[in-house]
Structure formats: structure tokens, C-alpha cells
Amino acid sequence: MYKLMANINKEFDGQWIFMINCQKDDNGKIIGGEVVLNSESRDKVIREMAQYMHEDSETYIRYIGDIPEGISVIL
């Protein structure tokens, strides 16, 4: 089910998410999509997202919330 990022941020706080059918605004910022995987475990989401790699859509993975202590982020 398609959801806006504002709703996703509230519903999945503290979790990793993987989205398909993402939509962007004119500046390239993700504004919504379908969350198909979510977990507190990044590794679990990464392992399971392979089943969606055939999707002919924009995909997106990210952590929702404050980055946990001890985690590094590459931009």
C-alpha cells in the first residue's frame, strides 16, 4: 500500500525499511512508496530485499529515526 514519507516516518521509527514504487518530488526527494520490508535488523532487510530486485520500479532502503550509536553512515 502506498504511503507518504511523513506517515512512514511515524509508523516505522527505529526500523530499517525497504520500499518499492517510490515517487520523488521535483528536487529528487522521496515523497512516498510501498514499504515491503521492515525490521530493526538492517541485515534482515538486506537479505530479504533480494526477492524484490526484479521489480521494475524505483527502490529505496533507509533507516527511519535517529542513527543508532555505533552505526556509520556513508552519504
Protein backbone atom coordinates (compact mmCIF):
# COMPACT_ATOMS: atom_id res chain seq x y z
CA MET A 1 0.00 0.00 0.00
CA TYR A 2 1.37 3.43 -0.99
CA LYS A 3 2.24 5.70 1.94
CA LEU A 4 3.66 9.18 2.23
CA MET A 5 7.07 9.55 3.92
CA ALA A 6 5.52 11.56 6.78
CA ASN A 7 3.38 8.53 7.67
CA ILE A 8 6.24 6.07 7.11
CA ASN A 9 8.48 8.09 9.44
CA LYS A 10 5.88 7.83 12.22
CA GLU A 11 4.95 4.18 11.69
CA PHE A 12 8.44 2.72 11.28
CA ASP A 13 10.52 4.83 13.69
CA GLY A 14 13.61 2.90 14.82
CA GLN A 15 13.47 0.42 11.92
CA TRP A 16 15.13 -0.25 8.59
CA ILE A 17 12.71 -0.16 5.66
CA PHE A 18 12.83 -1.23 2.03
CA MET A 19 10.41 0.46 -0.35
CA ILE A 20 9.30 -0.16 -3.92
CA ASN A 21 7.32 2.04 -6.33
CA CYS A 22 8.89 5.14 -4.82
CA GLN A 23 7.90 8.57 -6.01
CA LYS A 24 10.09 11.67 -5.89
CA ASP A 25 9.34 15.37 -5.87
CA ASP A 26 10.85 17.79 -8.40
CA ASN A 27 14.02 18.01 -6.29
CA GLY A 28 14.57 14.24 -6.28
CA LYS A 29 13.48 13.73 -2.68
CA ILE A 30 11.50 10.55 -1.94
CA ILE A 31 7.93 11.55 -1.02
CA GLY A 32 6.36 8.10 -0.71
CA GLY A 33 6.15 4.50 -1.79
CA GLU A 34 5.24 0.99 -0.66
CA VAL A 35 7.07 -0.37 2.38
CA VAL A 36 7.51 -4.09 1.66
CA LEU A 37 10.12 -4.91 4.34
CA ASN A 38 10.80 -3.50 7.77
CA SER A 39 12.89 -4.64 10.71
CA GLU A 40 15.12 -3.35 13.47
CA SER A 41 17.78 -5.55 11.83
CA ARG A 42 19.45 -3.99 8.80
CA ASP A 43 20.91 -7.37 7.84
CA LYS A 44 17.46 -8.99 7.76
CA VAL A 45 16.10 -6.30 5.43
CA ILE A 46 19.15 -6.58 3.15
CA ARG A 47 18.86 -10.38 2.98
CA GLU A 48 15.15 -10.29 2.18
CA MET A 49 15.18 -7.40 -0.30
CA ALA A 50 16.76 -9.61 -2.97
CA GLN A 51 13.30 -11.02 -3.69
CA TYR A 52 12.23 -7.56 -4.93
CA MET A 53 15.21 -6.80 -7.15
CA HIS A 54 13.24 -7.83 -10.24
CA GLU A 55 10.75 -5.02 -9.59
CA ASP A 56 10.59 -2.53 -12.44
CA SER A 57 10.32 0.40 -10.07
CA GLU A 58 12.36 2.83 -8.03
CA THR A 59 13.51 1.15 -4.80
CA TYR A 60 14.78 2.68 -1.58
CA ILE A 61 16.33 1.43 1.67
CA ARG A 62 16.85 3.56 4.74
CA TYR A 63 16.79 3.74 8.50
CA ILE A 64 13.86 5.66 9.98
CA GLY A 65 14.75 7.73 13.02
CA ASP A 66 17.94 8.81 14.72
CA ILE A 67 21.01 6.82 13.66
CA PRO A 68 21.88 4.40 16.49
CA GLU A 69 25.15 4.87 18.34
CA GLY A 70 27.95 2.84 16.78
CA ILE A 71 26.47 2.93 13.24
CA SER A 72 28.35 4.74 10.47
CA VAL A 73 26.56 6.29 7.53
CA ILE A 74 28.07 6.94 4.10
CA LEU A 75 26.39 9.65 2.05
